[in-house]
Amino acid sequence: MMEAGYGSLICTGNTAAHRGRAGYAAFAPTKAAQRILAQSIAREAGPKGVHVAYVTIDAVIDLRWTRKRYPDKPDDFFIKPEEIADEVFHVANQSKGAWSFDVEIRPHAENW
């Protein structure tokens, strides 16, 4: 992509990339490292025309097994995979004049 002078690399992660929680000492650093790696790549690849972004998914994804795990939660507790895909597509296709790096997506009912 850098040789071609264009392209997008969109990394996805979760809230642990920004803050740790009790009981997640082994997990949170891995997500933070993923985000910082993406940031380093963005600083190297961006000037060469490659858009790199990190999309934080601060939500429970609407899947069969998550519905079973949270049977009492309303529909707006979950984020649909298609909604994630729509946002990632949007970020990947931003014009060079307005690139995003940190993008957070969540359902409106998410307590953040």
C-alpha atoms as a PDB file:
ATOM      1  CA  MET A   1       0.000   0.000   0.000  1.00  0.00           C
ATOM      2  CA  MET A   2       2.776   2.429   0.833  1.00  0.00           C
ATOM      3  CA  GLU A   3       4.443   1.775  -2.525  1.00  0.00           C
ATOM      4  CA  ALA A   4       1.124   2.388  -4.284  1.00  0.00           C
ATOM      5  CA  GLY A   5       0.521   5.522  -2.212  1.00  0.00           C
ATOM      6  CA  TYR A   6      -2.982   4.625  -1.088  1.00  0.00           C
ATOM      7  CA  GLY A   7      -5.027   2.149   0.935  1.00  0.00           C
ATOM      8  CA  SER A   8      -6.586   1.681   4.343  1.00  0.00           C
ATOM      9  CA  LEU A   9      -5.694  -0.489   7.315  1.00  0.00           C
ATOM     10  CA  ILE A  10      -8.501  -0.490   9.871  1.00  0.00           C
ATOM     11  CA  CYS A  11      -7.837  -2.285  13.155  1.00  0.00           C
ATOM     12  CA  THR A  12     -10.653  -3.150  15.538  1.00  0.00           C
ATOM     13  CA  GLY A  13     -10.489  -3.622  19.261  1.00  0.00           C
ATOM     14  CA  ASN A  14     -12.440  -2.923  22.382  1.00  0.00           C
ATOM     15  CA  THR A  15     -12.546  -0.611  25.370  1.00  0.00           C
ATOM     16  CA  ALA A  16      -9.619  -2.388  27.045  1.00  0.00           C
ATOM     17  CA  ALA A  17      -7.371  -0.568  24.553  1.00  0.00           C
ATOM     18  CA  HIS A  18      -8.146   2.657  26.444  1.00  0.00           C
ATOM     19  CA  ARG A  19      -8.645   1.558  30.056  1.00  0.00           C
ATOM     20  CA  GLY A  20      -8.183  -1.527  32.174  1.00  0.00           C
ATOM     21  CA  ARG A  21     -10.664  -3.105  34.556  1.00  0.00           C
ATOM     22  CA  ALA A  22     -10.244  -5.222  37.640  1.00  0.00           C
ATOM     23  CA  GLY A  23      -9.721  -8.834  36.650  1.00  0.00           C
ATOM     24  CA  TYR A  24      -8.410  -7.977  33.181  1.00  0.00           C
ATOM     25  CA  ALA A  25      -4.706  -7.433  33.946  1.00  0.00           C
ATOM     26  CA  ALA A  26      -3.627 -10.046  31.405  1.00  0.00           C
ATOM     27  CA  PHE A  27      -6.017  -8.855  28.676  1.00  0.00           C
ATOM     28  CA  ALA A  28      -6.002  -5.041  28.756  1.00  0.00           C
ATOM     29  CA  PRO A  29      -2.291  -4.600  27.930  1.00  0.00           C
ATOM     30  CA  THR A  30      -2.678  -6.709  24.787  1.00  0.00           C
ATOM     31  CA  LYS A  31      -5.459  -4.467  23.466  1.00  0.00           C
ATOM     32  CA  ALA A  32      -3.548  -1.308  24.410  1.00  0.00           C
ATOM     33  CA  ALA A  33      -0.478  -2.656  22.597  1.00  0.00           C
ATOM     34  CA  GLN A  34      -2.604  -3.364  19.523  1.00  0.00           C
ATOM     35  CA  ARG A  35      -3.838   0.234  19.498  1.00  0.00           C
ATOM     36  CA  ILE A  36      -0.347   1.714  19.985  1.00  0.00           C
ATOM     37  CA  LEU A  37       1.023  -0.518  17.217  1.00  0.00           C
ATOM     38  CA  ALA A  38      -1.709   0.781  14.895  1.00  0.00           C
ATOM     39  CA  GLN A  39      -0.818   4.338  15.912  1.00  0.00           C
ATOM     40  CA  SER A  40       2.851   3.757  15.090  1.00  0.00           C
ATOM     41  CA  ILE A  41       1.936   2.287  11.714  1.00  0.00           C
ATOM     42  CA  ALA A  42      -0.370   5.262  11.080  1.00  0.00           C
ATOM     43  CA  ARG A  43       2.460   7.713  11.718  1.00  0.00           C
ATOM     44  CA  GLU A  44       4.717   5.836   9.318  1.00  0.00           C
ATOM     45  CA  ALA A  45       2.187   4.982   6.612  1.00  0.00           C
ATOM     46  CA  GLY A  46       0.012   8.110   6.716  1.00  0.00           C
ATOM     47  CA  PRO A  47       2.526  10.431   5.050  1.00  0.00           C
ATOM     48  CA  LYS A  48       2.841   7.789   2.321  1.00  0.00           C
ATOM     49  CA  GLY A  49      -0.906   7.882   1.602  1.00  0.00           C
ATOM     50  CA  VAL A  50      -2.105   4.938   3.683  1.00  0.00           C
ATOM     51  CA  HIS A  51      -4.914   5.580   6.142  1.00  0.00           C
ATOM     52  CA  VAL A  52      -4.589   3.590   9.376  1.00  0.00           C
ATOM     53  CA  ALA A  53      -7.324   3.767  12.006  1.00  0.00           C
ATOM     54  CA  TYR A  54      -8.322   2.036  15.229  1.00  0.00           C
ATOM     55  CA  VAL A  55     -12.023   1.368  15.759  1.00  0.00           C
ATOM     56  CA  THR A  56     -13.010   0.656  19.354  1.00  0.00           C
ATOM     57  CA  ILE A  57     -16.153  -1.441  19.626  1.00  0.00           C
ATOM     58  CA  ASP A  58     -17.558  -0.523  23.035  1.00  0.00           C
ATOM     59  CA  ALA A  59     -20.479  -2.909  22.919  1.00  0.00           C
ATOM     60  CA  VAL A  60     -21.693  -6.459  23.027  1.00  0.00           C
ATOM     61  CA  ILE A  61     -21.972  -7.686  19.449  1.00  0.00           C
ATOM     62  CA  ASP A  62     -25.377  -9.085  18.503  1.00  0.00           C
ATOM     63  CA  LEU A  63     -24.655 -12.786  17.981  1.00  0.00           C
ATOM     64  CA  ARG A  64     -26.566 -15.955  18.914  1.00  0.00           C
ATOM     65  CA  TRP A  65     -24.245 -16.768  21.797  1.00  0.00           C
ATOM     66  CA  THR A  66     -24.291 -13.215  23.194  1.00  0.00           C
ATOM     67  CA  ARG A  67     -28.102 -13.199  23.090  1.00  0.00           C
ATOM     68  CA  LYS A  68     -28.040 -16.431  25.133  1.00  0.00           C
ATOM     69  CA  ARG A  69     -25.560 -14.915  27.585  1.00  0.00           C
ATOM     70  CA  TYR A  70     -27.667 -11.753  28.054  1.00  0.00           C
ATOM     71  CA  PRO A  71     -31.256 -12.969  27.572  1.00  0.00           C
ATOM     72  CA  ASP A  72     -32.834 -10.119  29.549  1.00  0.00           C
ATOM     73  CA  LYS A  73     -31.124  -7.292  27.659  1.00  0.00           C
ATOM     74  CA  PRO A  74     -33.123  -5.159  25.209  1.00  0.00           C
ATOM     75  CA  ASP A  75     -32.250  -4.985  21.518  1.00  0.00           C
ATOM     76  CA  ASP A  76     -30.521  -1.618  21.911  1.00  0.00           C
ATOM     77  CA  PHE A  77     -28.011  -3.177  24.330  1.00  0.00           C
ATOM     78  CA  PHE A  78     -26.340  -4.915  21.373  1.00  0.00           C
ATOM     79  CA  ILE A  79     -24.531  -3.633  18.292  1.00  0.00           C
ATOM     80  CA  LYS A  80     -25.203  -5.440  15.038  1.00  0.00           C
ATOM     81  CA  PRO A  81     -22.258  -6.750  12.989  1.00  0.00           C
ATOM     82  CA  GLU A  82     -23.633  -4.852   9.976  1.00  0.00           C
ATOM     83  CA  GLU A  83     -23.454  -1.588  11.940  1.00  0.00           C
ATOM     84  CA  ILE A  84     -19.806  -2.258  12.750  1.00  0.00           C
ATOM     85  CA  ALA A  85     -19.110  -3.054   9.095  1.00  0.00           C
ATOM     86  CA  ASP A  86     -20.834   0.156   7.984  1.00  0.00           C
ATOM     87  CA  GLU A  87     -18.662   2.283  10.265  1.00  0.00           C
ATOM     88  CA  VAL A  88     -15.442   0.487   9.306  1.00  0.00           C
ATOM     89  CA  PHE A  89     -16.342   0.980   5.633  1.00  0.00           C
ATOM     90  CA  HIS A  90     -16.983   4.673   6.284  1.00  0.00           C
ATOM     91  CA  VAL A  91     -13.630   5.129   8.041  1.00  0.00           C
ATOM     92  CA  ALA A  92     -11.768   3.192   5.334  1.00  0.00           C
ATOM     93  CA  ASN A  93     -13.201   5.496   2.677  1.00  0.00           C
ATOM     94  CA  GLN A  94     -12.599   8.884   4.297  1.00  0.00           C
ATOM     95  CA  SER A  95     -11.016  11.543   2.131  1.00  0.00           C
ATOM     96  CA  LYS A  96      -7.359  12.334   2.817  1.00  0.00           C
ATOM     97  CA  GLY A  97      -8.417  15.751   4.061  1.00  0.00           C
ATOM     98  CA  ALA A  98     -10.261  14.332   7.072  1.00  0.00           C
ATOM     99  CA  TRP A  99      -8.816  11.037   8.283  1.00  0.00           C
ATOM    100  CA  SER A 100      -9.807   9.653  11.678  1.00  0.00           C
ATOM    101  CA  PHE A 101      -7.546   7.488  13.804  1.00  0.00           C
ATOM    102  CA  ASP A 102      -9.440   6.778  17.041  1.00  0.00           C
ATOM    103  CA  VAL A 103     -13.067   5.935  16.370  1.00  0.00           C
ATOM    104  CA  GLU A 104     -15.342   4.607  19.112  1.00  0.00           C
ATOM    105  CA  ILE A 105     -18.684   3.018  18.332  1.00  0.00           C
ATOM    106  CA  ARG A 106     -21.336   1.955  20.807  1.00  0.00           C
ATOM    107  CA  PRO A 107     -25.114   1.600  21.066  1.00  0.00           C
ATOM    108  CA  HIS A 108     -26.856   4.692  22.392  1.00  0.00           C
ATOM    109  CA  ALA A 109     -27.789   2.843  25.603  1.00  0.00           C
ATOM    110  CA  GLU A 110     -24.196   1.839  26.428  1.00  0.00           C
ATOM    111  CA  ASN A 111     -23.068   3.232  29.781  1.00  0.00           C
ATOM    112  CA  TRP A 112     -19.684   4.757  29.001  1.00  0.00           C
END
